[in-house]
Amino acid sequence: MSVEILDGATIVHFLEDEEAFNNTVGNRFARLDTNNDGLLSYDEMLKELQGLRVFETHFGIDVEPDPDELARVYASLFIQFDHNLNGTVDLEEFKTETKQMMLAMADGMGFMPIQMVLEEDSILKKAVETEYNKVSA
């Protein structure tokens, strides 16, 4: 984990760099696709969805979520990715929904820089690294 400074523009610039975005999302998809069938099942995506920690914190404090409510939220998040509702997520669905989520984050952040703690292999961390590499080149 590291503390990084980013804003909505960092995310937008990353999304506009199709090569960086596609490589990052493709690598993330490949790591999640544990049976290497080119599709993500609910079980394969569950760890990623749990990493979002949707209801597990309240103002930075861990709370005990209702397991049934959490299961419903994860199922609905999976359906957001499963555009054709066939019970699996292919790479294009994963890219499309990831891009939409990141655009929503960028919109919510605006252009005021904020500090965030990011996991080393997170897509947001890759966005920060991509921007840093462009600025320092």
Protein backbone atom coordinates (compact mmCIF):
# COMPACT_ATOMS: atom_id res chain seq x y z
CA MET A 1 0.00 0.00 0.00
CA SER A 2 1.06 3.53 -0.61
CA VAL A 3 -0.36 7.01 -0.17
CA GLU A 4 -0.86 8.73 -3.50
CA ILE A 5 -2.24 12.05 -4.65
CA LEU A 6 -4.74 11.94 -7.49
CA ASP A 7 -7.73 13.70 -8.91
CA GLY A 8 -10.38 13.04 -11.53
CA ALA A 9 -8.00 14.06 -14.30
CA THR A 10 -5.57 11.30 -13.30
CA ILE A 11 -8.31 8.74 -13.87
CA VAL A 12 -9.58 10.32 -17.09
CA HIS A 13 -6.07 10.48 -18.58
CA PHE A 14 -5.54 6.83 -17.69
CA LEU A 15 -8.80 5.85 -19.39
CA GLU A 16 -7.81 7.83 -22.48
CA ASP A 17 -4.52 5.89 -22.67
CA GLU A 18 -6.13 2.81 -24.22
CA GLU A 19 -2.95 0.76 -24.17
CA ALA A 20 -2.30 1.33 -20.46
CA PHE A 21 -5.95 0.83 -19.51
CA ASN A 22 -6.43 -2.30 -21.64
CA ASN A 23 -3.18 -3.87 -20.37
CA THR A 24 -4.03 -3.14 -16.74
CA VAL A 25 -7.60 -4.39 -16.98
CA GLY A 26 -6.56 -7.40 -19.06
CA ASN A 27 -3.96 -8.38 -16.46
CA ARG A 28 -6.49 -7.97 -13.64
CA PHE A 29 -9.02 -10.08 -15.56
CA ALA A 30 -6.41 -12.81 -16.17
CA ARG A 31 -5.55 -12.95 -12.44
CA LEU A 32 -9.23 -13.29 -11.54
CA ASP A 33 -9.87 -15.97 -14.20
CA THR A 34 -8.48 -18.80 -12.08
CA ASN A 35 -9.74 -21.60 -14.34
CA ASN A 36 -8.43 -19.84 -17.48
CA ASP A 37 -11.66 -20.23 -19.45
CA GLY A 38 -11.76 -16.57 -20.56
CA LEU A 39 -14.82 -15.87 -18.39
CA LEU A 40 -15.31 -14.76 -14.81
CA SER A 41 -17.85 -16.62 -12.73
CA TYR A 42 -19.45 -15.08 -9.66
CA ASP A 43 -17.07 -17.08 -7.46
CA GLU A 44 -14.04 -15.83 -9.38
CA MET A 45 -15.19 -12.21 -9.08
CA LEU A 46 -16.31 -12.43 -5.46
CA LYS A 47 -12.87 -11.67 -4.00
CA GLU A 48 -12.60 -8.60 -6.24
CA LEU A 49 -16.08 -7.45 -5.20
CA GLN A 50 -15.24 -8.03 -1.53
CA GLY A 51 -12.16 -5.87 -2.01
CA LEU A 52 -14.48 -2.94 -2.66
CA ARG A 53 -15.52 -3.15 1.02
CA VAL A 54 -18.94 -1.71 0.20
CA PHE A 55 -20.52 -1.81 3.66
CA GLU A 56 -17.61 -2.87 5.81
CA THR A 57 -16.48 0.60 6.83
CA HIS A 58 -18.27 3.65 8.08
CA PHE A 59 -16.13 6.79 8.17
CA GLY A 60 -13.01 4.60 8.17
CA ILE A 61 -14.14 2.36 11.04
CA ASP A 62 -14.70 -1.35 10.41
CA VAL A 63 -18.26 -2.46 11.08
CA GLU A 64 -19.87 -5.89 11.05
CA PRO A 65 -22.12 -6.03 7.98
CA ASP A 66 -25.26 -8.14 7.72
CA PRO A 67 -24.07 -11.20 5.71
CA ASP A 68 -27.37 -11.51 3.82
CA GLU A 69 -27.37 -7.86 2.83
CA LEU A 70 -23.73 -8.08 1.78
CA ALA A 71 -24.45 -11.17 -0.36
CA ARG A 72 -27.30 -9.31 -2.10
CA VAL A 73 -25.03 -6.32 -2.77
CA TYR A 74 -22.27 -8.51 -4.21
CA ALA A 75 -24.79 -10.33 -6.42
CA SER A 76 -26.13 -7.01 -7.73
CA LEU A 77 -22.60 -5.74 -8.36
CA PHE A 78 -21.83 -8.90 -10.33
CA ILE A 79 -24.93 -8.31 -12.45
CA GLN A 80 -23.63 -4.80 -13.22
CA PHE A 81 -20.66 -6.49 -14.91
CA ASP A 82 -22.68 -9.31 -16.51
CA HIS A 83 -24.27 -7.16 -19.22
CA ASN A 84 -25.83 -10.07 -21.14
CA LEU A 85 -26.96 -11.79 -17.91
CA ASN A 86 -25.49 -15.17 -18.88
CA GLY A 87 -23.95 -15.77 -15.44
CA THR A 88 -20.38 -14.96 -16.48
CA VAL A 89 -18.36 -11.86 -17.28
CA ASP A 90 -16.15 -11.76 -20.36
CA LEU A 91 -13.20 -9.43 -20.85
CA GLU A 92 -15.18 -6.84 -22.81
CA GLU A 93 -17.91 -6.68 -20.16
CA PHE A 94 -15.21 -6.38 -17.48
CA LYS A 95 -13.46 -3.54 -19.36
CA THR A 96 -16.68 -1.68 -20.06
CA GLU A 97 -17.93 -1.79 -16.47
CA THR A 98 -14.51 -1.03 -15.01
CA LYS A 99 -14.31 2.03 -17.25
CA GLN A 100 -17.79 3.16 -16.19
CA MET A 101 -16.92 2.76 -12.51
CA MET A 102 -13.70 4.70 -12.96
CA LEU A 103 -15.48 7.50 -14.84
CA ALA A 104 -17.97 7.72 -11.96
CA MET A 105 -15.06 7.95 -9.50
CA ALA A 106 -13.40 10.66 -11.59
CA ASP A 107 -16.66 12.59 -11.75
CA GLY A 108 -17.12 12.29 -7.99
CA MET A 109 -13.54 13.39 -7.26
CA GLY A 110 -13.56 16.37 -9.54
CA PHE A 111 -10.27 18.11 -10.15
CA MET A 112 -9.26 18.83 -6.58
CA PRO A 113 -6.27 16.63 -5.67
CA ILE A 114 -6.86 14.21 -2.79
CA GLN A 115 -4.66 11.76 -0.93
CA MET A 116 -5.67 8.11 -1.04
CA VAL A 117 -4.19 4.90 0.28
CA LEU A 118 -3.92 2.56 -2.70
CA GLU A 119 -3.04 -1.10 -2.91
CA GLU A 120 0.00 -1.78 -5.06
CA ASP A 121 -1.86 -3.83 -7.69
CA SER A 122 -4.99 -1.67 -7.82
CA ILE A 123 -6.19 -0.11 -11.04
CA LEU A 124 -6.11 3.33 -9.42
CA LYS A 125 -2.45 2.79 -8.49
CA LYS A 126 -1.74 1.93 -12.14
CA ALA A 127 -3.50 5.16 -13.16
CA VAL A 128 -1.22 7.17 -10.84
CA GLU A 129 1.88 5.34 -12.12
CA THR A 130 0.87 5.95 -15.75
CA GLU A 131 0.45 9.67 -15.10
CA TYR A 132 3.74 9.87 -13.21
CA ASN A 133 5.58 8.09 -16.04
CA LYS A 134 4.17 10.55 -18.61
CA VAL A 135 5.09 13.58 -16.53
CA SER A 136 8.62 12.36 -15.80
CA ALA A 137 9.34 11.34 -19.43
